[in-house]
Amino acid sequence: MQSHAAGFPHPELIGTFRQFGPFGISYQVLKEGHQTDKGWTVEIEVPETGERLEYPLDAILDDPEAR
C-alpha cells in the first residue's frame, strides 16, 4: 500500500495512465511529488522511454486518460 503526502488532492491518480494531450504518448502517474507555489507536482514515467519526470498536477488533470 502506498502512502500519500498529507493534503495531496488527487490520490486516485496514482497508478493511472494518461497521455500528453489528445494525440500524445502515454505516461504512468507513479507518486505524488510536492507542493510548490504553482501547485502540486507528481512523478511520472514514460513507458516508451523509461524516463521519469516531475510533472505539474494541473497538467495531468488536463491530459486525457490513455487509450
Protein backbone atom coordinates (compact mmCIF):
# COMPACT_ATOMS: atom_id res chain seq x y z
CA MET A 1 0.00 0.00 0.00
CA GLN A 2 1.36 3.41 -0.95
CA SER A 3 1.33 6.28 1.49
CA HIS A 4 0.29 9.66 0.19
CA ALA A 5 1.62 13.04 1.21
CA ALA A 6 -0.66 14.86 3.59
CA GLY A 7 -3.05 17.00 1.65
CA PHE A 8 -2.34 15.58 -1.82
CA PRO A 9 -5.61 16.42 -3.57
CA HIS A 10 -5.87 13.55 -6.09
CA PRO A 11 -4.55 10.23 -4.71
CA GLU A 12 -6.84 8.39 -7.13
CA LEU A 13 -4.49 9.36 -9.98
CA ILE A 14 -1.58 7.34 -8.60
CA GLY A 15 -1.00 4.29 -10.81
CA THR A 16 -3.18 5.53 -13.67
CA PHE A 17 -2.11 6.01 -17.28
CA ARG A 18 -2.70 9.27 -19.12
CA GLN A 19 -1.38 10.74 -22.33
CA PHE A 20 0.20 14.05 -23.29
CA GLY A 21 -2.71 15.82 -24.96
CA PRO A 22 -5.22 14.14 -27.27
CA PHE A 23 -2.59 12.60 -29.57
CA GLY A 24 0.50 12.29 -27.35
CA ILE A 25 2.29 9.29 -25.93
CA SER A 26 1.13 7.72 -22.69
CA TYR A 27 2.65 8.02 -19.23
CA GLN A 28 2.00 6.50 -15.82
CA VAL A 29 1.46 8.57 -12.70
CA LEU A 30 3.86 6.99 -10.16
CA LYS A 31 3.60 9.06 -6.99
CA GLU A 32 2.83 12.47 -5.60
CA GLY A 33 5.66 14.95 -5.59
CA HIS A 34 5.46 18.07 -3.51
CA GLN A 35 3.51 21.28 -3.28
CA THR A 36 5.05 24.39 -4.83
CA ASP A 37 3.86 27.97 -5.11
CA LYS A 38 2.42 26.94 -8.51
CA GLY A 39 0.63 23.85 -7.18
CA TRP A 40 1.39 20.16 -6.72
CA THR A 41 3.81 18.08 -8.76
CA VAL A 42 3.79 14.33 -9.36
CA GLU A 43 6.37 11.84 -10.57
CA ILE A 44 5.51 10.22 -13.88
CA GLU A 45 7.17 7.60 -16.06
CA VAL A 46 7.02 7.44 -19.84
CA PRO A 47 6.98 3.67 -20.59
CA GLU A 48 8.12 4.23 -24.17
CA THR A 49 11.45 5.68 -22.98
CA GLY A 50 11.67 4.70 -19.30
CA GLU A 51 12.15 8.36 -18.46
CA ARG A 52 10.91 9.59 -15.07
CA LEU A 53 9.88 13.22 -14.74
CA GLU A 54 8.38 15.63 -12.28
CA TYR A 55 5.17 16.91 -13.88
CA PRO A 56 2.62 19.50 -12.71
CA LEU A 57 -0.59 18.05 -11.30
CA ASP A 58 -2.61 20.69 -13.17
CA ALA A 59 -1.21 19.37 -16.46
CA ILE A 60 -2.18 15.81 -15.53
CA LEU A 61 -5.72 16.92 -14.80
CA ASP A 62 -5.85 18.47 -18.29
CA ASP A 63 -4.41 15.38 -20.02
CA PRO A 64 -6.85 12.64 -21.10
CA GLU A 65 -6.74 9.05 -19.86
CA ALA A 66 -4.53 6.90 -22.10
CA ARG A 67 -6.30 4.94 -24.82
